[in-house]
Protein backbone atom coordinates (compact mmCIF):
# COMPACT_ATOMS: atom_id res chain seq x y z
CA MET A 1 0.00 0.00 0.00
CA GLN A 2 1.16 3.50 -0.85
CA VAL A 3 -0.18 6.62 0.89
CA TYR A 4 -0.04 9.97 -0.87
CA ASN A 5 -0.69 13.38 0.70
CA GLU A 6 -0.85 16.76 -0.98
CA LYS A 7 -2.41 20.16 -0.58
CA ILE A 8 -5.28 20.84 -2.98
CA ASP A 9 -5.13 24.25 -4.62
CA THR A 10 -8.91 24.65 -4.55
CA PRO A 11 -10.83 27.47 -2.83
CA VAL A 12 -12.97 26.59 0.15
CA THR A 13 -16.45 25.88 -1.18
CA ALA A 14 -19.01 28.67 -1.16
CA TYR A 15 -21.53 26.31 0.40
CA PRO A 16 -21.55 26.59 4.21
CA LEU A 17 -20.36 23.13 5.23
CA SER A 18 -21.35 24.01 8.78
CA LEU A 19 -24.91 23.12 7.73
CA ILE A 20 -23.67 19.52 7.49
CA ALA A 21 -21.17 19.39 10.36
CA SER A 22 -18.18 21.35 11.53
CA PRO A 23 -16.26 21.96 8.25
CA GLU A 24 -13.20 20.19 9.69
CA GLU A 25 -15.40 17.13 10.32
CA VAL A 26 -16.60 16.73 6.72
CA LEU A 27 -14.73 14.16 4.63
CA TYR A 28 -15.04 13.99 0.83
CA VAL A 29 -14.80 10.36 -0.31
CA ASP A 30 -14.27 8.74 -3.71
CA ILE A 31 -13.20 5.15 -4.40
CA GLU A 32 -11.81 3.33 -7.43
CA THR A 33 -12.55 -0.38 -7.87
CA THR A 34 -11.56 -3.25 -10.14
CA GLY A 35 -15.20 -3.67 -11.23
CA LEU A 36 -18.81 -3.07 -10.29
CA SER A 37 -19.42 -6.16 -8.13
CA PRO A 38 -18.35 -5.82 -4.49
CA GLU A 39 -18.65 -9.61 -4.16
CA ARG A 40 -15.89 -10.39 -6.65
CA ASP A 41 -14.12 -7.05 -7.27
CA ARG A 42 -11.90 -5.02 -4.96
CA VAL A 43 -11.13 -1.46 -3.90
CA TYR A 44 -7.72 -0.42 -5.23
CA LEU A 45 -7.79 3.30 -4.40
CA VAL A 46 -9.51 5.51 -1.85
CA GLY A 47 -9.21 9.28 -2.14
CA CYS A 48 -10.37 11.78 0.46
CA ALA A 49 -10.30 15.55 0.86
CA TYR A 50 -10.50 17.33 4.18
CA LEU A 51 -10.02 20.80 5.60
CA GLN A 52 -6.95 21.49 7.69
CA GLN A 53 -6.16 25.00 8.91
CA GLY A 54 -8.45 26.49 6.28
CA ALA A 55 -6.92 24.65 3.30
CA TRP A 56 -7.94 21.51 1.46
CA GLN A 57 -5.77 18.44 1.82
CA LEU A 58 -5.87 15.28 -0.29
CA ILE A 59 -5.00 11.83 1.00
CA GLN A 60 -4.98 8.70 -1.18
CA TRP A 61 -4.47 5.05 -0.25
CA PHE A 62 -3.33 3.07 -3.29
CA ASP A 63 -2.97 -0.70 -3.71
CA GLU A 64 0.14 -0.79 -5.89
CA THR A 65 0.56 -4.58 -5.67
CA GLY A 66 -3.01 -5.81 -6.11
CA ASP A 67 -3.11 -7.56 -2.74
CA THR A 68 -3.24 -4.79 -0.10
CA GLU A 69 -6.95 -3.95 -0.19
CA SER A 70 -7.27 -4.84 3.49
CA ASP A 71 -4.49 -2.39 4.37
CA ILE A 72 -6.16 0.36 2.33
CA LEU A 73 -9.50 -0.14 4.04
CA THR A 74 -7.90 -0.39 7.48
CA SER A 75 -6.04 2.91 7.02
CA PHE A 76 -9.14 4.59 5.62
CA LEU A 77 -11.33 3.45 8.53
CA VAL A 78 -8.80 4.58 11.14
CA PHE A 79 -8.47 7.95 9.40
CA ALA A 80 -12.23 8.40 8.97
CA ARG A 81 -13.18 7.77 12.61
CA LYS A 82 -12.87 11.42 13.63
CA TYR A 83 -15.16 12.72 10.88
CA LYS A 84 -18.90 13.26 11.27
CA ALA A 85 -20.01 13.29 7.61
CA PHE A 86 -19.09 11.75 4.25
CA LEU A 87 -19.70 13.82 1.14
CA HIS A 88 -19.70 12.01 -2.21
CA TYR A 89 -21.33 11.70 -5.64
CA ASN A 90 -23.67 8.73 -6.06
CA GLY A 91 -21.96 7.19 -3.06
CA ASP A 92 -25.22 6.03 -1.49
CA ARG A 93 -25.69 3.68 -4.44
CA PHE A 94 -22.09 2.71 -5.17
CA ASP A 95 -19.19 3.81 -2.96
CA LEU A 96 -20.67 3.18 0.47
CA PRO A 97 -22.37 -0.17 -0.29
CA PHE A 98 -19.18 -1.31 -2.03
CA LEU A 99 -17.11 -0.32 1.00
CA ARG A 100 -19.49 -2.11 3.36
CA THR A 101 -19.20 -5.37 1.46
CA ARG A 102 -15.43 -5.18 1.14
CA ILE A 103 -15.04 -4.32 4.84
CA GLU A 104 -16.98 -7.47 5.69
CA LYS A 105 -15.08 -9.57 3.14
CA CYS A 106 -11.76 -8.41 4.61
CA GLY A 107 -12.90 -9.19 8.17
CA LEU A 108 -12.59 -5.57 9.24
CA ASP A 109 -16.01 -5.27 10.81
CA LYS A 110 -15.01 -7.41 13.78
CA ALA A 111 -11.44 -6.16 13.95
CA LEU A 112 -12.14 -2.42 13.58
CA HIS A 113 -15.94 -2.16 13.86
CA GLY A 114 -15.69 -0.98 10.26
CA LEU A 115 -19.40 -0.94 9.53
CA LYS A 116 -20.01 1.15 12.64
CA VAL A 117 -17.49 3.69 11.34
CA LEU A 118 -19.57 4.01 8.17
CA ASP A 119 -22.93 3.96 9.91
CA GLU A 120 -21.98 6.73 12.33
CA LYS A 121 -21.40 9.20 9.49
CA ARG A 122 -23.96 11.49 7.99
CA SER A 123 -24.06 10.62 4.30
CA VAL A 124 -24.43 13.56 1.88
CA ASP A 125 -24.88 12.38 -1.70
CA LEU A 126 -24.55 15.23 -4.20
CA PHE A 127 -26.21 13.15 -6.91
CA ARG A 128 -29.30 12.55 -4.77
CA VAL A 129 -29.55 16.27 -4.01
CA LEU A 130 -29.26 17.06 -7.72
CA LYS A 131 -31.65 14.36 -8.95
CA PRO A 132 -35.00 16.19 -8.44
CA TYR A 133 -33.75 19.09 -10.57
CA ARG A 134 -32.35 17.15 -13.53
CA LYS A 135 -35.10 18.24 -15.91
CA LEU A 136 -34.66 21.87 -14.96
CA LEU A 137 -30.86 21.78 -15.37
CA SER A 138 -31.20 20.00 -18.75
CA LEU A 139 -27.65 18.63 -18.79
CA PRO A 140 -26.75 16.01 -21.44
CA ASN A 141 -26.12 13.49 -18.66
CA TYR A 142 -25.48 13.54 -14.93
CA GLN A 143 -22.05 11.98 -14.69
CA GLN A 144 -19.89 13.85 -12.22
CA GLN A 145 -17.67 15.40 -14.90
CA THR A 146 -20.71 16.79 -16.74
CA VAL A 147 -21.95 18.40 -13.54
CA GLU A 148 -18.46 19.79 -12.94
CA ALA A 149 -18.49 21.34 -16.42
CA PHE A 150 -21.83 22.99 -15.65
CA MET A 151 -20.26 24.46 -12.53
CA GLY A 152 -17.35 25.78 -14.60
CA SER A 153 -14.60 23.54 -13.22
CA GLY A 154 -12.70 23.42 -16.54
CA ARG A 155 -11.85 19.74 -16.07
CA VAL A 156 -11.20 17.92 -19.35
CA GLU A 157 -10.84 14.16 -19.12
CA GLU A 158 -12.14 11.62 -21.59
CA ARG A 159 -11.76 8.52 -19.40
CA SER A 160 -14.10 7.50 -16.60
CA GLY A 161 -13.41 5.43 -13.53
CA GLY A 162 -14.69 2.40 -15.43
CA ASP A 163 -12.20 3.02 -18.24
CA LEU A 164 -9.35 2.96 -15.73
CA ILE A 165 -10.07 -0.60 -14.62
CA GLN A 166 -8.01 -1.89 -17.55
CA VAL A 167 -5.32 0.69 -16.82
CA TYR A 168 -5.03 -0.61 -13.26
CA ARG A 169 -4.78 -4.20 -14.44
CA ALA A 170 -2.06 -3.20 -16.88
CA PHE A 171 -0.29 -1.28 -14.12
CA ILE A 172 -0.24 -4.33 -11.82
CA ALA A 173 1.42 -6.31 -14.60
CA ALA A 174 3.90 -3.65 -15.76
CA LYS A 175 4.33 -1.28 -12.76
CA ASN A 176 4.38 1.63 -15.21
CA GLU A 177 4.79 5.01 -13.46
CA GLU A 178 2.75 6.88 -16.07
CA MET A 179 -0.16 4.51 -15.51
CA GLU A 180 0.11 5.07 -11.77
CA ARG A 181 0.01 8.84 -12.32
CA ASP A 182 -3.10 8.41 -14.48
CA LEU A 183 -4.84 6.36 -11.81
CA LEU A 184 -3.97 8.70 -8.96
CA GLY A 185 -4.63 11.78 -11.08
CA HIS A 186 -8.12 10.66 -12.07
CA ASN A 187 -9.08 9.96 -8.48
CA ALA A 188 -7.60 13.27 -7.31
CA ALA A 189 -9.57 15.08 -10.03
CA ASP A 190 -12.77 13.35 -8.90
CA VAL A 191 -12.16 14.47 -5.32
CA ARG A 192 -11.42 18.05 -6.39
CA GLY A 193 -14.56 17.89 -8.52
CA LEU A 194 -16.62 17.02 -5.46
CA ILE A 195 -15.47 20.25 -3.85
CA ALA A 196 -16.25 22.19 -7.05
CA ILE A 197 -19.85 20.98 -7.25
CA THR A 198 -20.60 21.25 -3.52
CA PRO A 199 -22.47 24.58 -4.03
CA LEU A 200 -25.22 22.51 -5.67
CA LEU A 201 -26.21 21.52 -2.14
CA SER A 202 -27.93 24.92 -2.15
CA LEU A 203 -30.40 23.76 -4.82
CA PRO A 204 -33.13 22.70 -2.35
CA ASP A 205 -32.85 26.11 -0.67
CA VAL A 206 -32.97 27.90 -4.02
CA PHE A 207 -36.28 26.20 -4.77
CA ALA A 208 -37.76 26.41 -1.28
CA LYS A 209 -36.66 29.63 0.42
CA PRO A 210 -38.78 32.82 0.19
CA PHE A 211 -38.18 35.47 -2.46
CA ASN A 212 -37.46 39.13 -1.90
CA VAL A 213 -38.47 41.03 -5.03
CA TYR A 214 -36.39 44.20 -5.09
CA LYS A 215 -37.46 45.47 -8.52
CA ALA A 216 -40.50 45.08 -10.78
CA GLN A 217 -40.88 46.71 -14.16
CA ALA A 218 -42.95 46.57 -17.33
CA ASN A 219 -41.28 45.84 -20.64
CA HIS A 220 -42.71 46.55 -24.10
CA TYR A 221 -41.44 44.58 -27.08
CA ARG A 222 -42.42 43.17 -30.48
CA GLY A 223 -43.46 39.53 -30.79
CA PHE A 224 -42.29 37.21 -33.56
CA ASP A 225 -45.28 38.29 -35.63
CA GLY A 226 -44.45 41.97 -35.13
CA SER A 227 -47.32 42.60 -32.73
CA ALA A 228 -46.89 44.81 -29.67
CA GLN A 229 -46.36 42.78 -26.51
CA GLU A 230 -45.94 43.63 -22.84
CA GLU A 231 -44.44 41.68 -19.96
CA ILE A 232 -43.71 42.11 -16.27
CA ILE A 233 -40.10 41.53 -15.20
CA LEU A 234 -39.46 40.64 -11.56
CA PHE A 235 -35.97 40.74 -10.04
CA ALA A 236 -35.65 38.81 -6.78
CA ARG A 237 -33.11 37.50 -4.30
CA ILE A 238 -33.58 34.19 -2.53
CA GLU A 239 -33.31 34.70 1.21
CA GLY A 240 -30.74 32.62 3.08
CA VAL A 241 -28.89 31.42 -0.04
CA PRO A 242 -25.21 32.37 -0.72
CA GLU A 243 -24.57 34.89 -3.49
CA ASN A 244 -22.56 32.40 -5.55
CA ALA A 245 -24.70 29.35 -4.80
CA ILE A 246 -25.39 28.67 -8.50
CA PRO A 247 -22.40 30.09 -10.43
CA ARG A 248 -23.79 29.22 -13.87
CA PRO A 249 -27.23 30.39 -15.05
CA ILE A 250 -30.17 27.99 -15.06
CA VAL A 251 -32.74 29.12 -17.64
CA GLN A 252 -36.20 27.69 -18.26
CA THR A 253 -39.27 28.80 -20.23
CA VAL A 254 -42.74 27.41 -19.54
CA ASP A 255 -46.16 28.63 -20.71
CA GLY A 256 -44.68 31.86 -22.03
CA CYS A 257 -42.96 32.62 -18.72
CA TYR A 258 -39.18 32.94 -18.47
CA CYS A 259 -36.99 32.22 -15.46
CA LYS A 260 -33.24 32.58 -14.92
CA VAL A 261 -31.48 31.57 -11.70
CA GLN A 262 -27.87 32.50 -11.02
CA GLY A 263 -26.18 32.80 -7.66
CA ASN A 264 -29.04 33.73 -5.35
CA GLU A 265 -30.68 35.96 -7.96
CA VAL A 266 -33.83 35.11 -9.90
CA THR A 267 -35.22 36.95 -12.92
CA ILE A 268 -38.78 36.14 -13.95
CA LYS A 269 -40.64 37.43 -17.00
CA VAL A 270 -44.40 37.00 -17.23
CA PRO A 271 -46.57 38.04 -20.20
CA LEU A 272 -49.08 40.77 -19.38
CA TYR A 273 -52.38 40.54 -21.23
CA HIS A 274 -54.16 43.82 -21.89
CA GLY A 275 -57.64 43.39 -23.29
CA GLU A 276 -60.93 41.64 -22.64
CA LEU A 277 -61.43 38.31 -20.88
CA LYS A 278 -64.40 36.32 -19.63
CA PHE A 279 -65.46 35.36 -16.14
CA PHE A 280 -67.44 32.10 -16.20
CA TYR A 281 -70.19 31.59 -13.64
CA ALA A 282 -70.17 28.25 -11.86
CA ASN A 283 -73.84 27.13 -12.12
CA TYR A 284 -74.85 27.84 -15.72
CA ARG A 285 -78.33 26.32 -15.20
CA GLU A 286 -79.27 29.37 -13.12
CA TYR A 287 -78.40 31.80 -15.94
CA TYR A 288 -79.71 33.00 -19.28
CA TYR A 289 -77.37 33.96 -22.09
CA LEU A 290 -78.22 37.22 -23.88
CA PRO A 291 -76.85 37.01 -27.45
CA ASP A 292 -77.30 40.72 -28.11
CA GLU A 293 -75.30 41.57 -25.00
CA ASP A 294 -72.85 38.63 -25.33
CA GLN A 295 -73.08 37.90 -21.63
CA ALA A 296 -75.03 35.83 -19.13
CA LEU A 297 -77.37 37.14 -16.45
CA HIS A 298 -78.83 35.36 -13.47
CA LYS A 299 -82.41 34.26 -14.08
CA SER A 300 -83.64 36.39 -11.22
CA ILE A 301 -82.74 39.40 -13.37
CA ALA A 302 -82.81 38.02 -16.92
CA SER A 303 -86.37 36.72 -16.52
CA PHE A 304 -87.50 40.28 -17.24
CA VAL A 305 -85.75 40.21 -20.64
CA ASP A 306 -87.91 39.36 -23.66
CA LYS A 307 -87.77 35.62 -24.37
CA SER A 308 -86.69 36.29 -27.95
CA HIS A 309 -83.50 37.92 -26.63
CA ARG A 310 -82.46 35.23 -24.18
CA VAL A 311 -81.57 31.52 -24.21
CA GLN A 312 -80.69 29.01 -21.55
CA ALA A 313 -77.01 29.43 -20.77
CA THR A 314 -74.49 26.65 -21.30
CA ALA A 315 -71.18 26.14 -19.58
CA GLU A 316 -69.43 27.68 -22.61
CA ASN A 317 -71.45 30.92 -22.75
CA CYS A 318 -72.25 31.50 -19.08
CA TYR A 319 -69.91 34.45 -18.66
CA THR A 320 -69.54 38.15 -18.23
CA ARG A 321 -66.79 40.15 -19.93
CA LYS A 322 -64.17 42.43 -18.40
CA LYS A 323 -61.47 44.68 -19.84
CA GLY A 324 -58.21 45.37 -18.06
CA ASP A 325 -54.67 44.16 -17.38
CA PHE A 326 -54.32 40.47 -16.54
CA LEU A 327 -51.58 38.08 -15.42
CA PRO A 328 -51.64 34.29 -15.88
CA GLU A 329 -52.32 31.70 -13.21
CA TRP A 330 -52.42 27.90 -13.47
CA GLU A 331 -53.54 26.72 -10.08
CA GLN A 332 -55.60 29.24 -8.16
CA PHE A 333 -53.51 32.21 -7.08
CA ARG A 334 -56.05 35.04 -7.07
CA THR A 335 -59.81 35.19 -7.53
CA PRO A 336 -61.85 35.92 -9.50
CA PHE A 337 -60.12 34.30 -12.46
CA PHE A 338 -60.78 34.97 -16.13
CA LYS A 339 -60.31 33.07 -19.40
CA HIS A 340 -60.45 33.58 -23.15
CA GLY A 341 -62.61 30.47 -23.47
CA TYR A 342 -64.27 27.97 -21.18
CA LYS A 343 -61.90 25.10 -22.02
CA ASP A 344 -58.67 27.09 -21.73
CA ARG A 345 -55.94 25.22 -19.85
CA TYR A 346 -55.05 28.17 -17.65
CA ALA A 347 -56.63 31.36 -16.45
CA TYR A 348 -55.81 34.98 -15.58
CA PHE A 349 -56.44 37.29 -12.69
CA GLU A 350 -56.83 41.05 -12.90
CA PHE A 351 -53.59 42.95 -12.30
CA THR A 352 -54.99 45.88 -10.34
CA ASP A 353 -53.44 49.24 -9.52
CA ALA A 354 -53.26 48.20 -5.86
CA MET A 355 -51.19 45.14 -6.80
CA LYS A 356 -48.79 47.32 -8.76
CA ARG A 357 -47.92 49.12 -5.51
CA ASP A 358 -47.78 46.01 -3.31
CA LYS A 359 -44.32 44.50 -2.77
CA LYS A 360 -45.74 41.46 -0.98
CA PHE A 361 -47.89 40.70 -4.02
CA PHE A 362 -44.82 40.74 -6.27
CA CYS A 363 -42.90 38.47 -3.87
CA ASP A 364 -45.78 36.00 -3.65
CA TYR A 365 -46.38 36.02 -7.40
CA ALA A 366 -42.68 35.59 -8.22
CA GLU A 367 -42.56 32.50 -5.99
CA TYR A 368 -45.81 31.22 -7.52
CA VAL A 369 -44.55 31.51 -11.10
CA PHE A 370 -41.16 30.07 -10.14
CA ARG A 371 -42.77 27.00 -8.54
CA HIS A 372 -44.90 26.49 -11.65
CA ILE A 373 -41.88 26.62 -13.94
CA ILE A 374 -39.71 24.20 -11.97
CA ALA A 375 -42.59 21.75 -11.55
CA GLN A 376 -42.81 21.15 -15.31
């Protein structure tokens, strides 16, 4: 077994690790194995990053002979005892179950209470945190290196951990130093990458914390068909989220609404409809429709209208009309709600002058639109 230590020239993550444990008690973990089956394959490399005096340190345990897996795991378990949390990428599905099996196979559970060492740690899986937002992020895939690229890490490496299995086998046969550098370098890059993508732990807060809209404005523009269009633009900050939580912009458009998230800032654009819409009464059987007026009236009033100028209302024509400024809603946000037609998929509410002066309204509506967009 060889043990390698080096300082990692990587800034301390913007994400407050203190939300997990004391930063000095968080251990980043990544393993390399000879295959995917913990029953027949082995761990040949364990890499960890940890904070020491405000700087990142890397430690790697490497099986350079092919028969020191037990030594690697023993050293890792002894080292890991003092930490409170493991941080990893897809480790809940691969790294940790693989380690558990190999610890048992090597007889280290009885000798070192190895499984207890694992079980005592809080497990923070970056992949599991990211998973609910995959559609919103729209990345080509969710391998760690792809996520790193989204976060702007600049890492360029064509080979994956799986590709290096053959490199390790060739290294055991030839003891080639360049192969060893490749194996150690890939693992070190994976560990550094974990630090780089740690700010994504803020994603649940980004999509759950309250908004503070600090600016709202109207914007006039021309649509694709040349027609005059108007929209409301809302600029908001997400409370309790670091400024550089999401360093690269996340952009999504749904139902004509636009949303961009970057850092802890959110920009939302919502189309403003200026014109006439219809309010549909609930119980159309209690109404007459007046074709000349193009509206429905309750029978208690419309019964005085000449029969030749009234008909029994239907669900589709049981409405009254209103002109004004309107904003869209999908699930009920404000009442009354208005539509162009009875079967429209979504509705509108009137954007009143009082709303235009109400900061709380803008905060509530920004959150409402944001939730609608990310739910798609």
